N, C-alpha and C. Protein backbone atom coordinates (compact mmCIF):
# COMPACT_ATOMS: atom_id res chain seq x y z
N UNK A 1 -21.60 8.89 -5.01
CA UNK A 1 -20.30 9.20 -5.45
C UNK A 1 -19.29 8.27 -4.91
N UNK A 2 -18.52 7.60 -5.80
CA UNK A 2 -17.55 6.63 -5.41
C UNK A 2 -16.15 7.34 -5.33
N UNK A 3 -15.48 7.16 -4.25
CA UNK A 3 -14.19 7.74 -4.01
C UNK A 3 -13.14 6.65 -3.87
N UNK A 4 -12.08 6.68 -4.57
CA UNK A 4 -11.00 5.74 -4.47
C UNK A 4 -9.87 6.47 -3.80
N UNK A 5 -9.38 5.95 -2.65
CA UNK A 5 -8.31 6.66 -1.94
C UNK A 5 -7.08 5.81 -2.07
N UNK A 6 -6.04 6.48 -2.51
CA UNK A 6 -4.68 5.88 -2.67
C UNK A 6 -3.73 6.47 -1.62
N UNK A 7 -3.23 5.58 -0.74
CA UNK A 7 -2.37 6.08 0.35
C UNK A 7 -0.92 5.68 0.04
N UNK A 8 -0.09 6.66 -0.19
CA UNK A 8 1.35 6.52 -0.27
C UNK A 8 1.81 5.77 -1.53
N UNK A 9 3.07 5.47 -1.50
CA UNK A 9 3.73 4.83 -2.64
C UNK A 9 3.22 3.41 -2.83
N UNK A 10 2.95 2.75 -1.74
CA UNK A 10 2.43 1.34 -1.89
C UNK A 10 1.02 1.31 -2.55
N UNK A 11 0.22 2.25 -2.20
CA UNK A 11 -1.14 2.35 -2.88
C UNK A 11 -1.01 2.73 -4.36
N UNK A 12 -0.03 3.58 -4.64
CA UNK A 12 0.16 4.00 -6.05
C UNK A 12 0.66 2.83 -6.87
N UNK A 13 1.60 2.04 -6.29
CA UNK A 13 2.12 0.83 -6.98
C UNK A 13 1.03 -0.17 -7.19
N UNK A 14 0.13 -0.30 -6.18
CA UNK A 14 -1.01 -1.25 -6.35
C UNK A 14 -1.96 -0.79 -7.38
N UNK A 15 -2.23 0.48 -7.50
CA UNK A 15 -3.15 0.99 -8.50
C UNK A 15 -2.58 0.83 -9.94
N UNK A 16 -1.24 1.08 -10.06
CA UNK A 16 -0.59 0.88 -11.38
C UNK A 16 -0.65 -0.58 -11.73
N UNK A 17 -0.37 -1.47 -10.78
CA UNK A 17 -0.43 -2.93 -10.97
C UNK A 17 -1.81 -3.33 -11.49
N UNK A 18 -2.85 -2.89 -10.84
CA UNK A 18 -4.22 -3.22 -11.16
C UNK A 18 -4.53 -2.73 -12.59
N UNK A 19 -4.13 -1.48 -12.95
CA UNK A 19 -4.32 -0.92 -14.22
C UNK A 19 -3.60 -1.70 -15.34
N UNK A 20 -2.41 -2.16 -15.11
CA UNK A 20 -1.61 -2.90 -16.04
C UNK A 20 -2.29 -4.29 -16.26
N UNK A 21 -2.73 -4.91 -15.16
CA UNK A 21 -3.39 -6.20 -15.33
C UNK A 21 -4.71 -6.06 -16.06
N UNK A 22 -5.49 -5.01 -15.81
CA UNK A 22 -6.69 -4.84 -16.56
C UNK A 22 -6.42 -4.59 -18.04
N UNK A 23 -5.41 -3.82 -18.35
CA UNK A 23 -5.04 -3.59 -19.76
C UNK A 23 -4.60 -4.83 -20.46
N UNK A 24 -3.77 -5.60 -19.73
CA UNK A 24 -3.29 -6.85 -20.38
C UNK A 24 -4.43 -7.84 -20.52
N UNK A 25 -5.33 -7.96 -19.56
CA UNK A 25 -6.38 -8.88 -19.62
C UNK A 25 -7.55 -8.56 -20.61
N UNK A 26 -7.77 -7.27 -20.80
CA UNK A 26 -8.89 -6.90 -21.69
C UNK A 26 -8.44 -6.36 -23.04
N UNK A 27 -7.13 -6.08 -23.21
CA UNK A 27 -6.68 -5.52 -24.49
C UNK A 27 -5.63 -6.38 -25.11
N UNK A 28 -4.51 -6.63 -24.39
CA UNK A 28 -3.39 -7.39 -25.00
C UNK A 28 -3.70 -8.83 -25.25
N UNK A 29 -4.25 -9.57 -24.28
CA UNK A 29 -4.51 -10.96 -24.41
C UNK A 29 -5.55 -11.23 -25.57
N UNK A 30 -6.67 -10.53 -25.62
CA UNK A 30 -7.56 -10.76 -26.78
C UNK A 30 -6.93 -10.36 -28.08
N UNK A 31 -6.07 -9.29 -28.08
CA UNK A 31 -5.39 -8.86 -29.32
C UNK A 31 -4.42 -9.93 -29.75
N UNK A 32 -3.69 -10.47 -28.78
CA UNK A 32 -2.74 -11.56 -29.09
C UNK A 32 -3.47 -12.81 -29.69
N UNK A 33 -4.63 -13.07 -29.10
CA UNK A 33 -5.40 -14.21 -29.55
C UNK A 33 -5.95 -13.97 -31.01
N UNK A 34 -6.42 -12.79 -31.26
CA UNK A 34 -6.87 -12.39 -32.57
C UNK A 34 -5.75 -12.48 -33.59
N UNK A 35 -4.51 -12.01 -33.17
CA UNK A 35 -3.41 -12.05 -34.11
C UNK A 35 -3.06 -13.52 -34.38
N UNK A 36 -2.96 -14.36 -33.31
CA UNK A 36 -2.60 -15.76 -33.53
C UNK A 36 -3.58 -16.54 -34.42
N UNK A 37 -4.88 -16.29 -34.25
CA UNK A 37 -5.93 -16.94 -35.02
C UNK A 37 -5.83 -16.47 -36.49
N UNK A 38 -5.62 -15.15 -36.71
CA UNK A 38 -5.50 -14.60 -38.08
C UNK A 38 -4.28 -15.20 -38.73
N UNK A 39 -3.14 -15.27 -38.02
CA UNK A 39 -1.90 -15.74 -38.68
C UNK A 39 -1.96 -17.26 -38.95
N UNK A 40 -2.67 -17.98 -38.06
CA UNK A 40 -2.74 -19.50 -38.24
C UNK A 40 -3.63 -19.87 -39.39
N UNK A 41 -4.85 -19.23 -39.42
CA UNK A 41 -5.80 -19.70 -40.40
C UNK A 41 -5.85 -18.90 -41.72
N UNK A 42 -5.79 -17.63 -41.61
CA UNK A 42 -5.94 -16.79 -42.86
C UNK A 42 -4.66 -16.63 -43.65
N UNK A 43 -3.51 -16.66 -42.99
CA UNK A 43 -2.22 -16.44 -43.69
C UNK A 43 -1.91 -17.70 -44.52
N UNK A 44 -2.06 -18.86 -43.90
CA UNK A 44 -1.67 -20.08 -44.64
C UNK A 44 -2.79 -20.52 -45.61
N UNK A 45 -4.03 -20.26 -45.21
CA UNK A 45 -5.13 -20.76 -46.11
C UNK A 45 -5.44 -19.82 -47.27
N UNK A 46 -5.47 -18.53 -47.00
CA UNK A 46 -5.91 -17.57 -48.05
C UNK A 46 -4.85 -16.55 -48.46
N UNK A 47 -3.64 -16.80 -47.93
CA UNK A 47 -2.41 -15.94 -48.32
C UNK A 47 -2.68 -14.42 -47.95
N UNK A 48 -3.30 -14.26 -46.76
CA UNK A 48 -3.43 -12.89 -46.23
C UNK A 48 -2.12 -12.46 -45.62
N UNK A 49 -1.90 -11.20 -45.42
CA UNK A 49 -0.64 -10.74 -44.83
C UNK A 49 -0.60 -11.07 -43.29
N UNK A 50 0.59 -11.23 -42.72
CA UNK A 50 0.63 -11.57 -41.33
C UNK A 50 0.47 -10.29 -40.49
N UNK A 51 -0.05 -10.48 -39.30
CA UNK A 51 -0.31 -9.38 -38.37
C UNK A 51 0.68 -9.38 -37.18
N UNK A 52 1.06 -8.22 -36.70
CA UNK A 52 1.78 -8.17 -35.47
C UNK A 52 0.83 -7.88 -34.33
N UNK A 53 1.36 -7.66 -33.13
CA UNK A 53 0.50 -7.55 -31.94
C UNK A 53 -0.34 -6.29 -31.99
N UNK A 54 0.22 -5.15 -32.45
CA UNK A 54 -0.60 -3.93 -32.53
C UNK A 54 -1.77 -4.13 -33.54
N UNK A 55 -1.50 -4.74 -34.58
CA UNK A 55 -2.59 -5.02 -35.59
C UNK A 55 -3.58 -5.97 -34.99
N UNK A 56 -3.15 -6.96 -34.22
CA UNK A 56 -4.11 -7.84 -33.50
C UNK A 56 -4.98 -7.15 -32.57
N UNK A 57 -4.37 -6.16 -31.79
CA UNK A 57 -5.21 -5.42 -30.89
C UNK A 57 -6.23 -4.56 -31.63
N UNK A 58 -5.81 -3.98 -32.75
CA UNK A 58 -6.76 -3.20 -33.58
C UNK A 58 -7.86 -4.10 -34.11
N UNK A 59 -7.50 -5.32 -34.52
CA UNK A 59 -8.47 -6.28 -35.02
C UNK A 59 -9.51 -6.62 -33.89
N UNK A 60 -9.02 -6.79 -32.68
CA UNK A 60 -9.82 -7.10 -31.51
C UNK A 60 -10.77 -5.97 -31.24
N UNK A 61 -10.22 -4.66 -31.38
CA UNK A 61 -11.09 -3.50 -31.08
C UNK A 61 -12.13 -3.39 -32.16
N UNK A 62 -11.79 -3.66 -33.44
CA UNK A 62 -12.85 -3.59 -34.54
C UNK A 62 -13.89 -4.70 -34.23
N UNK A 63 -13.55 -5.89 -33.85
CA UNK A 63 -14.50 -6.92 -33.50
C UNK A 63 -15.37 -6.50 -32.39
N UNK A 64 -14.83 -6.02 -31.32
CA UNK A 64 -15.57 -5.63 -30.08
C UNK A 64 -16.57 -4.48 -30.40
N UNK A 65 -16.11 -3.46 -31.10
CA UNK A 65 -16.96 -2.28 -31.50
C UNK A 65 -18.08 -2.74 -32.42
N UNK A 66 -17.70 -3.60 -33.36
CA UNK A 66 -18.77 -4.12 -34.29
C UNK A 66 -19.83 -4.90 -33.57
N UNK A 67 -19.43 -5.74 -32.58
CA UNK A 67 -20.36 -6.44 -31.81
C UNK A 67 -21.29 -5.56 -31.00
N UNK A 68 -20.74 -4.48 -30.40
CA UNK A 68 -21.52 -3.57 -29.63
C UNK A 68 -22.52 -2.76 -30.57
N UNK A 69 -22.12 -2.45 -31.76
CA UNK A 69 -23.02 -1.78 -32.71
C UNK A 69 -24.12 -2.67 -33.17
N UNK A 70 -23.81 -3.91 -33.54
CA UNK A 70 -24.74 -4.84 -34.11
C UNK A 70 -25.77 -5.34 -33.04
N UNK A 71 -25.30 -5.57 -31.87
CA UNK A 71 -26.23 -6.10 -30.86
C UNK A 71 -27.25 -5.03 -30.46
N UNK A 72 -28.45 -5.41 -30.26
CA UNK A 72 -29.52 -4.47 -29.93
C UNK A 72 -29.57 -4.19 -28.42
N UNK A 73 -28.88 -4.85 -27.65
CA UNK A 73 -28.97 -4.71 -26.19
C UNK A 73 -28.15 -3.47 -25.77
N UNK A 74 -28.48 -2.91 -24.62
CA UNK A 74 -27.69 -1.89 -24.08
C UNK A 74 -26.40 -2.41 -23.57
N UNK A 75 -25.45 -1.49 -23.41
CA UNK A 75 -24.18 -1.87 -22.84
C UNK A 75 -24.30 -2.20 -21.38
N UNK A 76 -23.50 -3.17 -20.90
CA UNK A 76 -23.59 -3.55 -19.51
C UNK A 76 -22.93 -2.51 -18.64
N UNK A 77 -22.05 -1.68 -19.22
CA UNK A 77 -21.34 -0.64 -18.44
C UNK A 77 -21.93 0.68 -18.83
N UNK A 78 -22.32 1.42 -17.85
CA UNK A 78 -22.89 2.77 -18.12
C UNK A 78 -22.19 3.72 -17.18
N UNK A 79 -21.99 4.94 -17.63
CA UNK A 79 -21.32 5.98 -16.79
C UNK A 79 -22.36 7.02 -16.49
N UNK A 80 -22.56 7.30 -15.24
CA UNK A 80 -23.53 8.25 -14.75
C UNK A 80 -22.86 9.18 -13.79
N UNK A 81 -23.20 10.45 -13.86
CA UNK A 81 -22.72 11.39 -12.94
C UNK A 81 -23.59 11.44 -11.68
N UNK A 82 -22.92 11.57 -10.54
CA UNK A 82 -23.65 11.56 -9.28
C UNK A 82 -24.19 12.99 -9.05
N UNK A 83 -25.16 13.16 -8.27
CA UNK A 83 -25.61 14.49 -7.97
C UNK A 83 -24.55 15.24 -7.20
N UNK A 84 -24.51 16.56 -7.44
CA UNK A 84 -23.53 17.38 -6.76
C UNK A 84 -23.80 17.53 -5.29
N UNK A 85 -22.71 17.60 -4.53
CA UNK A 85 -22.85 17.73 -3.05
C UNK A 85 -23.01 19.15 -2.65
N UNK A 86 -23.80 19.40 -1.70
CA UNK A 86 -23.92 20.81 -1.14
C UNK A 86 -22.69 21.06 -0.32
N UNK A 87 -22.51 22.33 -0.05
CA UNK A 87 -21.31 22.75 0.74
C UNK A 87 -21.34 22.13 2.19
N UNK A 88 -22.54 21.99 2.74
CA UNK A 88 -22.61 21.46 4.10
C UNK A 88 -22.23 19.93 4.04
N UNK A 89 -22.64 19.21 3.03
CA UNK A 89 -22.28 17.78 2.94
C UNK A 89 -20.84 17.61 2.63
N UNK A 90 -20.26 18.48 1.86
CA UNK A 90 -18.86 18.42 1.54
C UNK A 90 -18.05 18.74 2.78
N UNK A 91 -18.47 19.73 3.53
CA UNK A 91 -17.74 20.08 4.83
C UNK A 91 -17.81 18.98 5.79
N UNK A 92 -18.95 18.31 5.87
CA UNK A 92 -19.06 17.16 6.85
C UNK A 92 -18.14 16.03 6.40
N UNK A 93 -18.05 15.76 5.14
CA UNK A 93 -17.17 14.70 4.60
C UNK A 93 -15.79 15.03 4.95
N UNK A 94 -15.38 16.29 4.70
CA UNK A 94 -13.99 16.69 4.92
C UNK A 94 -13.65 16.61 6.44
N UNK A 95 -14.60 17.02 7.30
CA UNK A 95 -14.38 16.94 8.76
C UNK A 95 -14.24 15.52 9.21
N UNK A 96 -15.10 14.62 8.66
CA UNK A 96 -14.97 13.22 9.10
C UNK A 96 -13.64 12.62 8.58
N UNK A 97 -13.22 13.02 7.34
CA UNK A 97 -11.95 12.52 6.88
C UNK A 97 -10.75 13.02 7.71
N UNK A 98 -10.83 14.33 8.14
CA UNK A 98 -9.75 14.79 9.03
C UNK A 98 -9.76 14.05 10.38
N UNK A 99 -10.96 13.86 10.89
CA UNK A 99 -11.05 13.16 12.23
C UNK A 99 -10.51 11.72 12.07
N UNK A 100 -10.86 11.08 10.94
CA UNK A 100 -10.30 9.67 10.68
C UNK A 100 -8.79 9.68 10.60
N UNK A 101 -8.26 10.71 9.88
CA UNK A 101 -6.81 10.77 9.74
C UNK A 101 -6.15 11.02 11.10
N UNK A 102 -6.71 11.86 11.88
CA UNK A 102 -6.11 12.12 13.25
C UNK A 102 -6.20 10.83 14.09
N UNK A 103 -7.32 10.12 14.02
CA UNK A 103 -7.46 8.89 14.81
C UNK A 103 -6.49 7.83 14.28
N UNK A 104 -6.25 7.76 13.03
CA UNK A 104 -5.30 6.82 12.49
C UNK A 104 -3.90 7.17 12.98
N UNK A 105 -3.52 8.48 12.92
CA UNK A 105 -2.21 8.91 13.40
C UNK A 105 -2.07 8.63 14.90
N UNK A 106 -3.11 8.87 15.68
CA UNK A 106 -2.97 8.64 17.14
C UNK A 106 -2.83 7.14 17.40
N UNK A 107 -3.57 6.31 16.70
CA UNK A 107 -3.44 4.89 16.92
C UNK A 107 -2.05 4.40 16.50
N UNK A 108 -1.52 4.96 15.48
CA UNK A 108 -0.14 4.60 15.04
C UNK A 108 0.88 5.00 16.13
N UNK A 109 0.68 6.19 16.67
CA UNK A 109 1.61 6.65 17.76
C UNK A 109 1.44 5.78 18.93
N UNK A 110 0.19 5.40 19.30
CA UNK A 110 0.01 4.61 20.49
C UNK A 110 0.61 3.17 20.26
N UNK A 111 0.49 2.68 19.08
CA UNK A 111 1.07 1.31 18.86
C UNK A 111 2.61 1.34 18.82
N UNK A 112 3.14 2.45 18.36
CA UNK A 112 4.63 2.60 18.43
C UNK A 112 5.16 2.87 19.89
N UNK A 113 4.35 3.50 20.72
CA UNK A 113 4.76 3.78 22.07
C UNK A 113 4.72 2.54 22.91
N UNK A 114 3.93 1.55 22.55
CA UNK A 114 3.83 0.31 23.28
C UNK A 114 5.01 -0.61 23.09
N UNK A 115 5.81 -0.40 21.96
CA UNK A 115 6.90 -1.23 21.66
C UNK A 115 8.19 -0.50 22.24
N UNK A 116 8.99 -1.36 22.88
CA UNK A 116 10.26 -0.86 23.40
C UNK A 116 11.27 -1.99 23.29
N UNK A 117 12.54 -1.59 23.34
CA UNK A 117 13.64 -2.52 23.19
C UNK A 117 14.47 -2.49 24.48
N UNK A 118 14.89 -3.66 24.94
CA UNK A 118 15.77 -3.71 26.11
C UNK A 118 17.19 -4.09 25.59
N UNK A 119 18.19 -3.35 26.08
CA UNK A 119 19.54 -3.70 25.76
C UNK A 119 20.00 -4.71 26.85
N UNK A 120 21.07 -5.42 26.60
CA UNK A 120 21.55 -6.39 27.52
C UNK A 120 22.04 -5.70 28.81
N UNK A 121 22.53 -4.43 28.70
CA UNK A 121 22.98 -3.74 29.85
C UNK A 121 21.90 -3.26 30.71
N UNK A 122 20.73 -3.09 30.15
CA UNK A 122 19.59 -2.57 30.95
C UNK A 122 18.82 -3.62 31.71
N UNK A 123 19.06 -4.89 31.43
CA UNK A 123 18.35 -5.99 32.14
C UNK A 123 18.92 -6.06 33.48
N UNK A 124 18.00 -6.04 34.52
CA UNK A 124 18.37 -5.99 35.87
C UNK A 124 18.03 -7.31 36.58
N UNK A 125 18.78 -7.67 37.58
CA UNK A 125 18.44 -8.81 38.40
C UNK A 125 17.37 -8.37 39.42
N UNK A 126 16.55 -9.28 39.86
CA UNK A 126 15.53 -8.89 40.89
C UNK A 126 16.19 -8.41 42.13
N UNK A 127 15.47 -7.58 42.86
CA UNK A 127 15.97 -7.02 44.13
C UNK A 127 16.18 -8.07 45.19
N UNK A 128 17.18 -7.97 46.00
CA UNK A 128 17.46 -8.91 47.04
C UNK A 128 17.54 -8.12 48.34
N UNK A 129 16.92 -8.66 49.40
CA UNK A 129 17.00 -8.01 50.65
C UNK A 129 18.32 -8.46 51.27
N UNK A 130 19.06 -7.41 51.67
CA UNK A 130 20.43 -7.68 52.27
C UNK A 130 20.27 -8.07 53.73
N UNK A 131 21.35 -8.42 54.34
CA UNK A 131 21.40 -8.95 55.75
C UNK A 131 20.93 -7.88 56.69
N UNK A 132 21.28 -6.60 56.48
CA UNK A 132 21.00 -5.55 57.47
C UNK A 132 19.50 -5.06 57.30
N UNK A 133 18.71 -5.64 56.40
CA UNK A 133 17.31 -5.37 56.36
C UNK A 133 16.98 -4.33 55.27
N UNK A 134 17.96 -3.75 54.63
CA UNK A 134 17.68 -2.77 53.57
C UNK A 134 17.56 -3.54 52.20
N UNK A 135 16.68 -2.94 51.43
CA UNK A 135 16.43 -3.60 50.14
C UNK A 135 17.35 -2.97 49.07
N UNK A 136 17.93 -3.77 48.26
CA UNK A 136 18.86 -3.20 47.26
C UNK A 136 18.08 -2.47 46.15
N UNK A 137 18.68 -1.53 45.57
CA UNK A 137 18.10 -0.72 44.53
C UNK A 137 18.04 -1.50 43.20
N UNK A 138 17.03 -1.34 42.42
CA UNK A 138 16.91 -1.97 41.11
C UNK A 138 17.79 -1.30 40.07
N UNK A 139 18.38 -0.20 40.47
CA UNK A 139 19.19 0.60 39.46
C UNK A 139 20.57 -0.05 39.47
N UNK A 140 21.01 -0.31 38.24
CA UNK A 140 22.41 -0.92 38.11
C UNK A 140 23.40 0.25 38.02
N UNK A 141 24.48 0.07 38.70
CA UNK A 141 25.57 1.00 38.67
C UNK A 141 26.77 0.37 38.08
N UNK A 142 27.38 1.09 37.13
CA UNK A 142 28.55 0.53 36.52
C UNK A 142 29.71 0.78 37.50
N UNK A 143 30.54 -0.21 37.71
CA UNK A 143 31.73 -0.09 38.61
C UNK A 143 32.69 0.89 38.07
N UNK A 144 32.81 0.96 36.77
CA UNK A 144 33.85 1.79 36.09
C UNK A 144 33.52 3.26 36.32
N UNK A 145 32.23 3.64 36.24
CA UNK A 145 31.80 5.06 36.50
C UNK A 145 32.04 5.39 37.99
N UNK A 146 31.86 4.42 38.82
CA UNK A 146 32.04 4.72 40.26
C UNK A 146 33.47 4.96 40.53
N UNK A 147 34.38 4.24 39.96
CA UNK A 147 35.80 4.40 40.12
C UNK A 147 36.27 5.74 39.56
N UNK A 148 35.77 6.12 38.43
CA UNK A 148 36.13 7.44 37.82
C UNK A 148 35.72 8.59 38.70
N UNK A 149 34.49 8.44 39.37
CA UNK A 149 34.07 9.54 40.27
C UNK A 149 34.98 9.61 41.45
N UNK A 150 35.44 8.49 42.01
CA UNK A 150 36.37 8.48 43.13
C UNK A 150 37.68 9.15 42.79
N UNK A 151 38.14 8.83 41.59
CA UNK A 151 39.43 9.40 41.17
C UNK A 151 39.38 10.92 40.96
N UNK A 152 38.19 11.39 40.45
CA UNK A 152 38.08 12.83 40.16
C UNK A 152 37.93 13.55 41.53
N UNK A 153 37.32 12.92 42.51
CA UNK A 153 37.13 13.57 43.84
C UNK A 153 38.55 13.60 44.54
N UNK A 154 39.30 12.56 44.35
CA UNK A 154 40.66 12.60 44.97
C UNK A 154 41.57 13.59 44.28
N UNK A 155 41.41 13.83 43.05
CA UNK A 155 42.25 14.79 42.34
C UNK A 155 41.93 16.22 42.84
N UNK A 156 40.66 16.45 43.17
CA UNK A 156 40.30 17.83 43.68
C UNK A 156 40.93 18.10 45.02
N UNK A 157 40.99 17.11 45.87
CA UNK A 157 41.54 17.29 47.23
C UNK A 157 42.99 17.57 47.12
């Protein structure tokens, strides 16, 4: 059993793009080619009516179906149904999918937790040992906050 998994809007856009490309490559381009050949050779030579793109696509479909009917070989594409899964196999597939989803979520969380940003205010200078032997704290203190605290204490007194 083949399973195609489409994740999110990006996967949906990719699937639509692939579908449009396949449609254009296997239907529109050969139809356009059939229309151009018909209009170039049969209209001018035998006074046949001109074809538009839709009629060219239909002409291409007629040619392709006729080829498949006339040829004695089997088609290269065959559709087969896969055997049905038992309940145990289906449950094991669902459990493994849930485990994979949880692992993917955890790895995404871990990768996001490793990233951090430093503001210019948070960058600290290395610690320096002062003359009296005490080591300065790596915590930066804003002088403005210190002055506000002093003023509020003096107002209480």
